[in-house]
Amino acid sequence: MAYWLMKTEPGSWSWDDQVRERKTHWDGVRNYQAANNMKAMKRGDLVFFYHSVDEKRIVGVVKVSGEYRPDPSDESGRFGMVEVAAVKPMARPVTLQEIKAEPKLADLALVRQSRLSVLPVADAEWRLICRMGETTV
C-alpha cells in the first residue's frame, strides 16, 4: 500500500462534501506530475485530504476506490482521474504550519513542492502525521 496527499480548495470541494457524497471522482487535475502520481495510485491506497488556500490543513483520510482512468472533463484526452471514498476525519486537523515545524517532515513533498496538488507521502511521514492528528487508520 502507498500513501498520498490530495489538495482541494474547500470552497470547491470540502471534506464535508466528500463525506456527504462518500465516493467521488477526483478529476480536473491538469498538471503532469500530479497526474503521474494519480496514475501510480492503486485501489486501497490511503490519501490525506488537505484543505488548501486559507485553511492549509489535513482534515481527513480517503481511500482510492477506483484506479486511474480517462477524465471526461478533459477535452484533450491527456489527463485522467481516480475515485476516492471517505474513510475518516482527522481527530485533530494537522496544519501546514505544524508540518513545517516538524524536522522529520522536512522532506515531505507538501513542504518541498507546495504548488503540486497530488503528492506522495512516505510510510514514516504518514505514521507521524497520523500521530500528530491523533488518528489511526
C-alpha atoms as a PDB file:
ATOM      1  CA  MET A   1       0.000   0.000   0.000  1.00  0.00           C
ATOM      2  CA  ALA A   2       1.144   3.510  -0.802  1.00  0.00           C
ATOM      3  CA  TYR A   3       0.224   6.814   0.818  1.00  0.00           C
ATOM      4  CA  TRP A   4      -0.657  10.123  -0.806  1.00  0.00           C
ATOM      5  CA  LEU A   5      -1.937  13.633  -0.163  1.00  0.00           C
ATOM      6  CA  MET A   6      -4.520  15.379  -2.339  1.00  0.00           C
ATOM      7  CA  LYS A   7      -5.231  19.090  -2.076  1.00  0.00           C
ATOM      8  CA  THR A   8      -8.580  20.731  -2.601  1.00  0.00           C
ATOM      9  CA  GLU A   9      -9.943  24.207  -2.147  1.00  0.00           C
ATOM     10  CA  PRO A  10     -12.689  23.797   0.455  1.00  0.00           C
ATOM     11  CA  GLY A  11     -14.868  26.301  -1.416  1.00  0.00           C
ATOM     12  CA  SER A  12     -14.806  23.968  -4.434  1.00  0.00           C
ATOM     13  CA  TRP A  13     -14.806  20.521  -2.754  1.00  0.00           C
ATOM     14  CA  SER A  14     -14.598  20.212   1.023  1.00  0.00           C
ATOM     15  CA  TRP A  15     -14.266  17.371   3.494  1.00  0.00           C
ATOM     16  CA  ASP A  16     -17.971  17.814   4.284  1.00  0.00           C
ATOM     17  CA  ASP A  17     -18.755  17.408   0.561  1.00  0.00           C
ATOM     18  CA  GLN A  18     -16.615  14.262   0.453  1.00  0.00           C
ATOM     19  CA  VAL A  19     -18.340  12.757   3.493  1.00  0.00           C
ATOM     20  CA  ARG A  20     -21.788  13.602   2.142  1.00  0.00           C
ATOM     21  CA  GLU A  21     -21.052  12.002  -1.257  1.00  0.00           C
ATOM     22  CA  ARG A  22     -18.910   9.241   0.293  1.00  0.00           C
ATOM     23  CA  LYS A  23     -17.269   8.406  -3.080  1.00  0.00           C
ATOM     24  CA  THR A  24     -16.243  10.858  -5.767  1.00  0.00           C
ATOM     25  CA  HIS A  25     -14.165  11.083  -8.902  1.00  0.00           C
ATOM     26  CA  TRP A  26     -11.049  13.156  -8.259  1.00  0.00           C
ATOM     27  CA  ASP A  27     -10.866  14.929 -11.582  1.00  0.00           C
ATOM     28  CA  GLY A  28      -9.760  18.250 -13.023  1.00  0.00           C
ATOM     29  CA  VAL A  29      -6.045  17.686 -12.352  1.00  0.00           C
ATOM     30  CA  ARG A  30      -4.101  19.282 -15.215  1.00  0.00           C
ATOM     31  CA  ASN A  31      -0.510  19.047 -14.009  1.00  0.00           C
ATOM     32  CA  TYR A  32       1.581  16.223 -15.485  1.00  0.00           C
ATOM     33  CA  GLN A  33       3.469  15.422 -12.273  1.00  0.00           C
ATOM     34  CA  ALA A  34       0.232  15.311 -10.251  1.00  0.00           C
ATOM     35  CA  ALA A  35      -1.367  13.177 -12.990  1.00  0.00           C
ATOM     36  CA  ASN A  36       1.600  10.781 -12.889  1.00  0.00           C
ATOM     37  CA  ASN A  37       1.135  10.475  -9.127  1.00  0.00           C
ATOM     38  CA  MET A  38      -2.532   9.626  -9.711  1.00  0.00           C
ATOM     39  CA  LYS A  39      -1.514   7.009 -12.314  1.00  0.00           C
ATOM     40  CA  ALA A  40       0.615   5.335  -9.627  1.00  0.00           C
ATOM     41  CA  MET A  41      -2.305   5.073  -7.183  1.00  0.00           C
ATOM     42  CA  LYS A  42      -3.737   1.613  -6.558  1.00  0.00           C
ATOM     43  CA  ARG A  43      -7.082   0.575  -5.119  1.00  0.00           C
ATOM     44  CA  GLY A  44      -6.765   0.577  -1.329  1.00  0.00           C
ATOM     45  CA  ASP A  45      -4.045   3.242  -1.099  1.00  0.00           C
ATOM     46  CA  LEU A  46      -4.732   5.822   1.614  1.00  0.00           C
ATOM     47  CA  VAL A  47      -4.765   9.557   0.961  1.00  0.00           C
ATOM     48  CA  PHE A  48      -4.658  12.588   3.237  1.00  0.00           C
ATOM     49  CA  PHE A  49      -7.442  15.036   2.333  1.00  0.00           C
ATOM     50  CA  TYR A  50      -5.901  18.521   2.520  1.00  0.00           C
ATOM     51  CA  HIS A  51      -7.829  21.800   2.562  1.00  0.00           C
ATOM     52  CA  SER A  52      -5.698  24.361   0.733  1.00  0.00           C
ATOM     53  CA  VAL A  53      -5.968  28.147   0.341  1.00  0.00           C
ATOM     54  CA  ASP A  54      -6.923  29.727   3.696  1.00  0.00           C
ATOM     55  CA  GLU A  55      -7.076  26.600   5.877  1.00  0.00           C
ATOM     56  CA  LYS A  56      -3.887  24.785   4.834  1.00  0.00           C
ATOM     57  CA  ARG A  57      -4.502  21.667   6.902  1.00  0.00           C
ATOM     58  CA  ILE A  58      -5.059  17.930   6.618  1.00  0.00           C
ATOM     59  CA  VAL A  59      -8.659  17.316   7.635  1.00  0.00           C
ATOM     60  CA  GLY A  60      -9.372  13.703   6.728  1.00  0.00           C
ATOM     61  CA  VAL A  61      -8.389  10.431   5.096  1.00  0.00           C
ATOM     62  CA  VAL A  62      -9.808   8.928   1.919  1.00  0.00           C
ATOM     63  CA  LYS A  63      -9.089   5.619   0.212  1.00  0.00           C
ATOM     64  CA  VAL A  64      -8.501   5.060  -3.506  1.00  0.00           C
ATOM     65  CA  SER A  65     -11.563   3.090  -4.587  1.00  0.00           C
ATOM     66  CA  GLY A  66     -11.069   3.325  -8.354  1.00  0.00           C
ATOM     67  CA  GLU A  67      -7.793   3.474 -10.253  1.00  0.00           C
ATOM     68  CA  TYR A  68      -6.723   5.976 -12.890  1.00  0.00           C
ATOM     69  CA  ARG A  69      -8.897   6.267 -15.983  1.00  0.00           C
ATOM     70  CA  PRO A  70      -9.692   8.986 -18.546  1.00  0.00           C
ATOM     71  CA  ASP A  71     -11.202  12.215 -17.204  1.00  0.00           C
ATOM     72  CA  PRO A  72     -14.231  13.036 -19.352  1.00  0.00           C
ATOM     73  CA  SER A  73     -13.899  16.717 -18.439  1.00  0.00           C
ATOM     74  CA  ASP A  74     -10.533  16.844 -20.269  1.00  0.00           C
ATOM     75  CA  GLU A  75     -11.237  17.507 -23.939  1.00  0.00           C
ATOM     76  CA  SER A  76      -7.577  16.897 -24.825  1.00  0.00           C
ATOM     77  CA  GLY A  77      -7.724  13.318 -23.535  1.00  0.00           C
ATOM     78  CA  ARG A  78      -4.336  13.714 -21.821  1.00  0.00           C
ATOM     79  CA  PHE A  79      -5.458  13.648 -18.197  1.00  0.00           C
ATOM     80  CA  GLY A  80      -7.333  11.226 -16.005  1.00  0.00           C
ATOM     81  CA  MET A  81      -8.977  10.801 -12.643  1.00  0.00           C
ATOM     82  CA  VAL A  82      -9.237   8.368  -9.754  1.00  0.00           C
ATOM     83  CA  GLU A  83     -12.140   7.583  -7.460  1.00  0.00           C
ATOM     84  CA  VAL A  84     -11.774   8.153  -3.725  1.00  0.00           C
ATOM     85  CA  ALA A  85     -14.009   7.224  -0.802  1.00  0.00           C
ATOM     86  CA  ALA A  86     -14.143   8.908   2.599  1.00  0.00           C
ATOM     87  CA  VAL A  87     -12.563   6.867   5.408  1.00  0.00           C
ATOM     88  CA  LYS A  88     -12.498   9.146   8.445  1.00  0.00           C
ATOM     89  CA  PRO A  89     -11.825  12.709   9.567  1.00  0.00           C
ATOM     90  CA  MET A  90      -8.615  13.571  11.360  1.00  0.00           C
ATOM     91  CA  ALA A  91      -9.349  13.628  15.084  1.00  0.00           C
ATOM     92  CA  ARG A  92      -7.312  16.829  15.122  1.00  0.00           C
ATOM     93  CA  PRO A  93      -6.564  18.532  11.798  1.00  0.00           C
ATOM     94  CA  VAL A  94      -2.841  18.955  11.139  1.00  0.00           C
ATOM     95  CA  THR A  95      -1.845  22.372   9.831  1.00  0.00           C
ATOM     96  CA  LEU A  96       0.852  23.168   7.303  1.00  0.00           C
ATOM     97  CA  GLN A  97       2.495  25.305   9.988  1.00  0.00           C
ATOM     98  CA  GLU A  98       2.752  22.247  12.290  1.00  0.00           C
ATOM     99  CA  ILE A  99       4.102  20.131   9.446  1.00  0.00           C
ATOM    100  CA  LYS A 100       6.780  22.711   8.596  1.00  0.00           C
ATOM    101  CA  ALA A 101       7.753  22.944  12.267  1.00  0.00           C
ATOM    102  CA  GLU A 102       8.437  19.184  12.467  1.00  0.00           C
ATOM    103  CA  PRO A 103      12.038  18.470  11.369  1.00  0.00           C
ATOM    104  CA  LYS A 104      11.175  14.861  10.494  1.00  0.00           C
ATOM    105  CA  LEU A 105       8.814  16.184   7.812  1.00  0.00           C
ATOM    106  CA  ALA A 106      11.324  18.487   6.103  1.00  0.00           C
ATOM    107  CA  ASP A 107      11.417  16.225   3.037  1.00  0.00           C
ATOM    108  CA  LEU A 108       7.629  15.820   2.775  1.00  0.00           C
ATOM    109  CA  ALA A 109       6.563  16.669  -0.783  1.00  0.00           C
ATOM    110  CA  LEU A 110       3.944  19.071   0.611  1.00  0.00           C
ATOM    111  CA  VAL A 111       6.791  21.181   2.003  1.00  0.00           C
ATOM    112  CA  ARG A 112       9.129  20.839  -0.989  1.00  0.00           C
ATOM    113  CA  GLN A 113       6.556  21.092  -3.809  1.00  0.00           C
ATOM    114  CA  SER A 114       3.910  23.310  -2.303  1.00  0.00           C
ATOM    115  CA  ARG A 115       2.051  24.001  -5.570  1.00  0.00           C
ATOM    116  CA  LEU A 116       1.553  20.355  -6.561  1.00  0.00           C
ATOM    117  CA  SER A 117      -1.984  19.079  -5.880  1.00  0.00           C
ATOM    118  CA  VAL A 118      -1.342  15.314  -5.670  1.00  0.00           C
ATOM    119  CA  LEU A 119       1.715  14.228  -3.702  1.00  0.00           C
ATOM    120  CA  PRO A 120       3.307  11.017  -2.436  1.00  0.00           C
ATOM    121  CA  VAL A 121       3.752  10.530   1.313  1.00  0.00           C
ATOM    122  CA  ALA A 122       6.391   8.141   2.696  1.00  0.00           C
ATOM    123  CA  ASP A 123       5.380   5.491   5.241  1.00  0.00           C
ATOM    124  CA  ALA A 124       7.216   7.167   8.142  1.00  0.00           C
ATOM    125  CA  GLU A 125       5.727  10.563   7.194  1.00  0.00           C
ATOM    126  CA  TRP A 126       2.235   9.030   7.100  1.00  0.00           C
ATOM    127  CA  ARG A 127       2.630   7.480  10.552  1.00  0.00           C
ATOM    128  CA  LEU A 128       3.986  10.718  12.049  1.00  0.00           C
ATOM    129  CA  ILE A 129       1.212  12.879  10.594  1.00  0.00           C
ATOM    130  CA  CYS A 130      -1.405  10.408  11.829  1.00  0.00           C
ATOM    131  CA  ARG A 131       0.110  10.654  15.323  1.00  0.00           C
ATOM    132  CA  MET A 132       0.117  14.452  15.083  1.00  0.00           C
ATOM    133  CA  GLY A 133      -3.549  14.311  14.072  1.00  0.00           C
ATOM    134  CA  GLU A 134      -4.395  11.779  16.806  1.00  0.00           C
ATOM    135  CA  THR A 135      -5.789   9.488  14.122  1.00  0.00           C
ATOM    136  CA  THR A 136      -5.309   5.798  13.399  1.00  0.00           C
ATOM    137  CA  VAL A 137      -6.158   4.317  10.039  1.00  0.00           C
END
